[in-house]
Structures are given as structure tokens and as C-alpha cells.
Amino acid sequence: MTQSHAEKGLILVLCMGVLVVLAGIPTPARADSPDRTNVHVVVKDATTDQPISQARLTLRFREPGSKARLKPAKMLSFSAKTNAQGRYKFTNIPKGTILLMVIADHHQTFGKEFELEQDNQVIEVKLKKPQPLL
């Protein structure tokens, strides 16, 4: 059974379309790339210096876009909880400005912007106990 020129042309067009689609799929950036890093967050009690387990972390940052791929920048948010040592590691985060928010039971809420400039940057957060109402 032989294929007509139209069928061969259609197959060729479909194959080219698949290649174009595959070429447009972004490859994930690696944490060892110069513009990305890991962020180590350590949460402790400000008075006792003891680690705070199960503190809720939210990390917000702008994921850079790509003009070449017509991909706009967008805001992303990651959430996690600290381990028994009060630690968590966010991986593959773009360097630049981030917003870190920390919430823990029986402590004041913390929120602050940081500049990620170093590889494997460590951010230590010391949470205070709530202040009594007057």
C-alpha cells in the first residue's frame, strides 16, 4: 500500500508541528545555575533560641519570564513547614527579591523581604512571643 503525496505531506507537517511544540517546552532551571539558588530557612524562638517545629513558611518570588519564548514573568508562592530542628530548604529559587512569611503557634507572625544573592543562602528567623494587650 503506497501513500499519496497528500498523505506524505500531512505526515511531514504533523512531524514538524511536534518538533516545534517540543522545542518550545522549557527545560527546568537547575539550582546550580548561576541565577538560581537554594534557600535554607531556620526558625527559632527569640527568647529561648530553641528551634520551632511545624512553623508555616510561605516564600513568594517573581519567576522571570523569557522574551525569546514569549513567556511573561509571574509571581509564584511555595508553602512548607519546618522540621523538628526548625529548618526547611526551598530549592531552585531564582536569585533576587523574595518575601518570606512565617507563622507559628504562640508566636508573632513574621514577614520580610530578602535579597537572594548568594548560593545556598541561610535565613534565620527569630520569632517573638505575642505581646499582651494593654
N, C-alpha and C. Protein backbone atom coordinates (compact mmCIF):
# COMPACT_ATOMS: atom_id res chain seq x y z
N MET A 1 0.85 -1.17 0.00
CA MET A 1 0.00 0.00 0.00
C MET A 1 0.89 1.23 0.00
N THR A 2 0.72 2.09 -0.95
CA THR A 2 1.55 3.29 -1.05
C THR A 2 0.78 4.50 -0.60
N GLN A 3 1.53 5.48 -0.08
CA GLN A 3 0.90 6.71 0.39
C GLN A 3 0.91 7.74 -0.74
N SER A 4 -0.14 8.54 -0.77
CA SER A 4 -0.22 9.60 -1.76
C SER A 4 0.67 10.76 -1.32
N HIS A 5 0.92 11.67 -2.23
CA HIS A 5 1.72 12.86 -1.90
C HIS A 5 1.03 13.68 -0.81
N ALA A 6 -0.28 13.73 -0.82
CA ALA A 6 -1.03 14.49 0.19
C ALA A 6 -0.83 13.87 1.58
N GLU A 7 -0.89 12.53 1.66
CA GLU A 7 -0.69 11.86 2.94
C GLU A 7 0.72 12.07 3.46
N LYS A 8 1.71 11.96 2.57
CA LYS A 8 3.10 12.19 2.98
C LYS A 8 3.30 13.63 3.44
N GLY A 9 2.68 14.56 2.76
CA GLY A 9 2.76 15.97 3.15
C GLY A 9 2.14 16.21 4.51
N LEU A 10 0.98 15.57 4.75
CA LEU A 10 0.31 15.71 6.05
C LEU A 10 1.17 15.15 7.17
N ILE A 11 1.78 13.99 6.94
CA ILE A 11 2.66 13.38 7.95
C ILE A 11 3.85 14.29 8.23
N LEU A 12 4.42 14.85 7.18
CA LEU A 12 5.55 15.76 7.35
C LEU A 12 5.15 16.99 8.16
N VAL A 13 3.99 17.56 7.86
CA VAL A 13 3.51 18.74 8.60
C VAL A 13 3.28 18.38 10.07
N LEU A 14 2.68 17.23 10.33
CA LEU A 14 2.44 16.81 11.71
C LEU A 14 3.74 16.60 12.47
N CYS A 15 4.73 15.98 11.82
CA CYS A 15 6.03 15.78 12.47
C CYS A 15 6.69 17.11 12.78
N MET A 16 6.61 18.04 11.85
CA MET A 16 7.21 19.36 12.07
C MET A 16 6.51 20.07 13.23
N GLY A 17 5.18 19.91 13.30
CA GLY A 17 4.42 20.52 14.39
C GLY A 17 4.84 19.97 15.74
N VAL A 18 5.05 18.65 15.82
CA VAL A 18 5.51 18.03 17.07
C VAL A 18 6.88 18.56 17.46
N LEU A 19 7.77 18.69 16.50
CA LEU A 19 9.11 19.23 16.80
C LEU A 19 9.03 20.66 17.30
N VAL A 20 8.16 21.48 16.70
CA VAL A 20 8.01 22.87 17.14
C VAL A 20 7.50 22.91 18.57
N VAL A 21 6.51 22.07 18.89
CA VAL A 21 5.96 22.02 20.24
C VAL A 21 7.03 21.58 21.24
N LEU A 22 7.78 20.53 20.90
CA LEU A 22 8.83 20.04 21.80
C LEU A 22 9.92 21.08 22.00
N ALA A 23 10.25 21.83 20.98
CA ALA A 23 11.29 22.86 21.11
C ALA A 23 10.84 23.97 22.03
N GLY A 24 9.53 24.18 22.15
CA GLY A 24 9.01 25.26 22.99
C GLY A 24 8.82 24.89 24.44
N ILE A 25 9.00 23.61 24.78
CA ILE A 25 8.84 23.19 26.17
C ILE A 25 10.07 23.63 26.96
N PRO A 26 9.85 24.47 27.97
CA PRO A 26 11.00 24.95 28.73
C PRO A 26 11.63 23.84 29.54
N THR A 27 12.93 23.83 29.60
CA THR A 27 13.61 22.88 30.47
C THR A 27 13.71 23.51 31.84
N PRO A 28 13.47 22.76 32.90
CA PRO A 28 13.52 23.35 34.23
C PRO A 28 14.91 23.87 34.55
N ALA A 29 14.93 25.07 35.15
CA ALA A 29 16.22 25.63 35.55
C ALA A 29 16.76 24.82 36.71
N ARG A 30 18.04 24.70 36.76
CA ARG A 30 18.68 23.91 37.80
C ARG A 30 19.15 24.81 38.94
N ALA A 31 19.13 24.27 40.15
CA ALA A 31 19.54 25.05 41.32
C ALA A 31 21.01 25.41 41.26
N ASP A 32 21.81 24.67 40.46
CA ASP A 32 23.23 25.01 40.37
C ASP A 32 23.48 26.01 39.23
N SER A 33 22.43 26.51 38.61
CA SER A 33 22.59 27.54 37.60
C SER A 33 22.94 28.85 38.31
N PRO A 34 23.68 29.75 37.67
CA PRO A 34 24.15 30.95 38.37
C PRO A 34 23.03 31.90 38.80
N ASP A 35 21.85 31.80 38.20
CA ASP A 35 20.78 32.71 38.56
C ASP A 35 19.74 32.09 39.49
N ARG A 36 20.02 30.90 40.02
CA ARG A 36 19.10 30.21 40.93
C ARG A 36 19.89 29.71 42.13
N THR A 37 19.18 29.46 43.22
CA THR A 37 19.84 29.01 44.44
C THR A 37 18.87 28.24 45.31
N ASN A 38 19.39 27.69 46.40
CA ASN A 38 18.58 27.07 47.44
C ASN A 38 18.52 28.05 48.61
N VAL A 39 17.39 28.03 49.31
CA VAL A 39 17.21 28.92 50.47
C VAL A 39 16.94 28.04 51.68
N HIS A 40 17.83 28.15 52.67
CA HIS A 40 17.69 27.39 53.92
C HIS A 40 17.07 28.32 54.96
N VAL A 41 15.90 27.97 55.47
CA VAL A 41 15.22 28.79 56.47
C VAL A 41 15.33 28.07 57.81
N VAL A 42 15.75 28.83 58.84
CA VAL A 42 15.86 28.31 60.20
C VAL A 42 14.98 29.19 61.08
N VAL A 43 14.04 28.58 61.80
CA VAL A 43 13.12 29.33 62.65
C VAL A 43 13.36 28.95 64.10
N LYS A 44 13.60 30.00 64.93
CA LYS A 44 13.87 29.79 66.36
C LYS A 44 13.03 30.74 67.20
N ASP A 45 12.87 30.38 68.46
CA ASP A 45 12.22 31.26 69.42
C ASP A 45 13.20 32.35 69.81
N ALA A 46 12.76 33.60 69.80
CA ALA A 46 13.66 34.73 70.07
C ALA A 46 14.18 34.73 71.50
N THR A 47 13.40 34.22 72.45
CA THR A 47 13.81 34.24 73.85
C THR A 47 14.68 33.06 74.21
N THR A 48 14.28 31.86 73.81
CA THR A 48 14.98 30.65 74.24
C THR A 48 16.00 30.16 73.22
N ASP A 49 15.94 30.65 71.99
CA ASP A 49 16.81 30.24 70.88
C ASP A 49 16.57 28.77 70.50
N GLN A 50 15.45 28.21 70.93
CA GLN A 50 15.09 26.83 70.59
C GLN A 50 14.42 26.79 69.22
N PRO A 51 14.65 25.72 68.44
CA PRO A 51 14.00 25.62 67.13
C PRO A 51 12.49 25.51 67.27
N ILE A 52 11.79 26.04 66.29
CA ILE A 52 10.33 25.96 66.28
C ILE A 52 9.91 24.99 65.18
N SER A 53 9.37 23.87 65.62
CA SER A 53 8.91 22.82 64.71
C SER A 53 7.52 23.18 64.16
N GLN A 54 7.25 22.78 62.95
CA GLN A 54 5.94 22.96 62.30
C GLN A 54 5.55 24.42 62.10
N ALA A 55 6.54 25.31 62.03
CA ALA A 55 6.25 26.71 61.66
C ALA A 55 5.85 26.70 60.18
N ARG A 56 4.81 27.46 59.84
CA ARG A 56 4.34 27.51 58.46
C ARG A 56 5.09 28.60 57.69
N LEU A 57 5.72 28.19 56.61
CA LEU A 57 6.52 29.10 55.79
C LEU A 57 5.83 29.35 54.46
N THR A 58 5.88 30.59 54.01
CA THR A 58 5.42 30.93 52.66
C THR A 58 6.51 31.76 52.02
N LEU A 59 6.96 31.33 50.88
CA LEU A 59 8.02 32.03 50.14
C LEU A 59 7.41 32.50 48.82
N ARG A 60 7.42 33.83 48.60
CA ARG A 60 6.88 34.40 47.36
C ARG A 60 8.01 35.05 46.59
N PHE A 61 7.98 34.88 45.26
CA PHE A 61 9.02 35.46 44.41
C PHE A 61 8.50 35.58 42.99
N ARG A 62 9.20 36.37 42.21
CA ARG A 62 8.86 36.54 40.80
C ARG A 62 9.69 35.57 39.98
N GLU A 63 9.01 34.71 39.24
CA GLU A 63 9.68 33.79 38.32
C GLU A 63 9.94 34.58 37.04
N PRO A 64 11.21 34.74 36.66
CA PRO A 64 11.49 35.54 35.47
C PRO A 64 10.89 34.91 34.21
N GLY A 65 10.51 35.78 33.30
CA GLY A 65 9.97 35.31 32.03
C GLY A 65 11.07 35.13 31.01
N SER A 66 10.67 34.91 29.78
CA SER A 66 11.61 34.72 28.68
C SER A 66 11.06 35.43 27.45
N LYS A 67 11.76 36.47 27.02
CA LYS A 67 11.32 37.18 25.81
C LYS A 67 11.42 36.27 24.59
N ALA A 68 12.44 35.44 24.55
CA ALA A 68 12.65 34.55 23.40
C ALA A 68 11.48 33.58 23.24
N ARG A 69 10.90 33.16 24.35
CA ARG A 69 9.79 32.19 24.29
C ARG A 69 8.44 32.86 24.54
N LEU A 70 8.44 34.21 24.59
CA LEU A 70 7.21 34.97 24.82
C LEU A 70 6.51 34.52 26.10
N LYS A 71 7.31 34.27 27.12
CA LYS A 71 6.79 33.80 28.41
C LYS A 71 6.91 34.95 29.41
N PRO A 72 5.78 35.47 29.90
CA PRO A 72 5.86 36.60 30.84
C PRO A 72 6.32 36.16 32.24
N ALA A 73 6.86 37.11 32.98
CA ALA A 73 7.22 36.83 34.38
C ALA A 73 5.93 36.62 35.17
N LYS A 74 6.02 35.83 36.24
CA LYS A 74 4.84 35.60 37.07
C LYS A 74 5.25 35.43 38.52
N MET A 75 4.32 35.74 39.42
CA MET A 75 4.57 35.56 40.84
C MET A 75 4.25 34.12 41.22
N LEU A 76 5.16 33.51 41.99
CA LEU A 76 4.96 32.16 42.49
C LEU A 76 5.03 32.17 44.01
N SER A 77 4.40 31.20 44.62
CA SER A 77 4.38 31.09 46.07
C SER A 77 4.54 29.62 46.44
N PHE A 78 5.49 29.34 47.33
CA PHE A 78 5.69 27.99 47.85
C PHE A 78 5.39 28.00 49.34
N SER A 79 4.77 26.93 49.82
CA SER A 79 4.47 26.78 51.24
C SER A 79 5.10 25.51 51.77
N ALA A 80 5.50 25.54 53.04
CA ALA A 80 6.12 24.38 53.67
C ALA A 80 6.03 24.54 55.18
N LYS A 81 6.46 23.51 55.89
CA LYS A 81 6.56 23.57 57.36
C LYS A 81 7.96 23.16 57.76
N THR A 82 8.43 23.74 58.86
CA THR A 82 9.76 23.41 59.36
C THR A 82 9.74 22.02 60.00
N ASN A 83 10.93 21.40 60.02
CA ASN A 83 11.07 20.08 60.64
C ASN A 83 11.31 20.24 62.15
N ALA A 84 11.64 19.16 62.83
CA ALA A 84 11.85 19.18 64.29
C ALA A 84 13.00 20.11 64.69
N GLN A 85 13.95 20.34 63.77
CA GLN A 85 15.08 21.24 64.04
C GLN A 85 14.77 22.68 63.63
N GLY A 86 13.51 22.96 63.26
CA GLY A 86 13.11 24.30 62.85
C GLY A 86 13.64 24.71 61.49
N ARG A 87 13.93 23.74 60.63
CA ARG A 87 14.56 24.01 59.33
C ARG A 87 13.70 23.54 58.16
N TYR A 88 13.90 24.25 57.03
CA TYR A 88 13.34 23.82 55.76
C TYR A 88 14.21 24.38 54.64
N LYS A 89 14.35 23.61 53.55
CA LYS A 89 15.15 24.05 52.41
C LYS A 89 14.26 24.18 51.18
N PHE A 90 14.15 25.42 50.67
CA PHE A 90 13.48 25.66 49.39
C PHE A 90 14.54 25.52 48.31
N THR A 91 14.25 24.77 47.26
CA THR A 91 15.24 24.54 46.20
C THR A 91 14.84 25.23 44.91
N ASN A 92 15.88 25.55 44.11
CA ASN A 92 15.70 26.06 42.76
C ASN A 92 14.93 27.38 42.73
N ILE A 93 15.31 28.31 43.59
CA ILE A 93 14.65 29.61 43.70
C ILE A 93 15.48 30.63 42.92
N PRO A 94 14.84 31.48 42.10
CA PRO A 94 15.62 32.48 41.36
C PRO A 94 16.20 33.53 42.31
N LYS A 95 17.43 33.92 42.05
CA LYS A 95 18.06 34.98 42.85
C LYS A 95 17.31 36.28 42.61
N GLY A 96 17.34 37.14 43.62
CA GLY A 96 16.61 38.40 43.55
C GLY A 96 15.80 38.59 44.82
N THR A 97 14.75 39.36 44.74
CA THR A 97 13.94 39.68 45.91
C THR A 97 12.91 38.58 46.17
N ILE A 98 12.84 38.15 47.42
CA ILE A 98 11.82 37.20 47.86
C ILE A 98 11.09 37.78 49.05
N LEU A 99 9.90 37.30 49.32
CA LEU A 99 9.16 37.64 50.52
C LEU A 99 8.99 36.35 51.31
N LEU A 100 9.46 36.35 52.55
CA LEU A 100 9.31 35.19 53.43
C LEU A 100 8.34 35.54 54.54
N MET A 101 7.31 34.71 54.70
CA MET A 101 6.35 34.87 55.79
C MET A 101 6.39 33.62 56.66
N VAL A 102 6.38 33.82 57.99
CA VAL A 102 6.46 32.70 58.93
C VAL A 102 5.35 32.85 59.97
N ILE A 103 4.61 31.78 60.16
CA ILE A 103 3.55 31.74 61.17
C ILE A 103 3.77 30.52 62.04
N ALA A 104 3.76 30.71 63.36
CA ALA A 104 3.93 29.60 64.29
C ALA A 104 3.01 29.82 65.48
N ASP A 105 2.48 28.72 66.01
CA ASP A 105 1.61 28.81 67.18
C ASP A 105 2.33 29.49 68.33
N HIS A 106 1.61 30.36 69.03
CA HIS A 106 2.09 31.03 70.23
C HIS A 106 3.27 31.98 69.95
N HIS A 107 3.36 32.48 68.72
CA HIS A 107 4.41 33.43 68.35
C HIS A 107 3.83 34.50 67.42
N GLN A 108 4.50 35.64 67.37
CA GLN A 108 4.08 36.70 66.45
C GLN A 108 4.38 36.27 65.02
N THR A 109 3.56 36.73 64.10
CA THR A 109 3.77 36.46 62.68
C THR A 109 4.93 37.29 62.17
N PHE A 110 5.71 36.73 61.26
CA PHE A 110 6.90 37.39 60.71
C PHE A 110 6.75 37.48 59.19
N GLY A 111 7.13 38.62 58.65
CA GLY A 111 7.16 38.78 57.20
C GLY A 111 8.22 39.80 56.83
N LYS A 112 9.06 39.47 55.86
CA LYS A 112 10.12 40.38 55.46
C LYS A 112 10.63 40.01 54.07
N GLU A 113 11.05 41.05 53.32
CA GLU A 113 11.68 40.82 52.03
C GLU A 113 13.18 40.61 52.23
N PHE A 114 13.74 39.71 51.44
CA PHE A 114 15.17 39.43 51.46
C PHE A 114 15.70 39.46 50.02
N GLU A 115 16.97 39.79 49.89
CA GLU A 115 17.64 39.72 48.59
C GLU A 115 18.46 38.45 48.55
N LEU A 116 18.14 37.58 47.61
CA LEU A 116 18.94 36.36 47.43
C LEU A 116 20.08 36.70 46.48
N GLU A 117 21.28 36.67 47.00
CA GLU A 117 22.46 36.99 46.19
C GLU A 117 23.49 35.87 46.22
N GLN A 118 23.45 35.06 47.28
CA GLN A 118 24.46 34.00 47.47
C GLN A 118 23.85 32.64 47.14
N ASP A 119 24.74 31.70 46.88
CA ASP A 119 24.29 30.32 46.72
C ASP A 119 24.03 29.72 48.09
N ASN A 120 22.99 28.90 48.20
CA ASN A 120 22.63 28.24 49.46
C ASN A 120 22.52 29.23 50.60
N GLN A 121 21.79 30.30 50.37
CA GLN A 121 21.63 31.35 51.37
C GLN A 121 20.82 30.84 52.56
N VAL A 122 21.27 31.20 53.77
CA VAL A 122 20.60 30.82 55.01
C VAL A 122 19.89 32.04 55.57
N ILE A 123 18.62 31.87 55.90
CA ILE A 123 17.84 32.94 56.53
C ILE A 123 17.40 32.42 57.89
N GLU A 124 17.83 33.10 58.94
CA GLU A 124 17.43 32.72 60.29
C GLU A 124 16.38 33.70 60.78
N VAL A 125 15.26 33.14 61.24
CA VAL A 125 14.14 33.95 61.72
C VAL A 125 13.95 33.64 63.19
N LYS A 126 13.91 34.70 64.01
CA LYS A 126 13.66 34.53 65.45
C LYS A 126 12.29 35.14 65.75
N LEU A 127 11.39 34.27 66.17
CA LEU A 127 10.02 34.71 66.44
C LEU A 127 9.83 35.06 67.91
N LYS A 128 9.12 36.16 68.11
CA LYS A 128 8.83 36.63 69.46
C LYS A 128 7.47 36.09 69.91
N LYS A 129 7.30 36.02 71.23
CA LYS A 129 6.01 35.66 71.81
C LYS A 129 5.06 36.84 71.60
N PRO A 130 3.75 36.60 71.57
CA PRO A 130 2.81 37.71 71.42
C PRO A 130 2.89 38.68 72.60
N GLN A 131 2.69 39.95 72.31
CA GLN A 131 2.70 40.98 73.35
C GLN A 131 1.31 41.07 73.99
N PRO A 132 1.24 41.24 75.30
CA PRO A 132 -0.08 41.34 75.95
C PRO A 132 -0.77 42.64 75.54
N LEU A 133 -2.10 42.57 75.45
CA LEU A 133 -2.88 43.75 75.14
C LEU A 133 -2.97 44.63 76.36
N LEU A 134 -2.90 45.93 76.17
CA LEU A 134 -2.98 46.88 77.31
C LEU A 134 -4.37 47.33 77.53
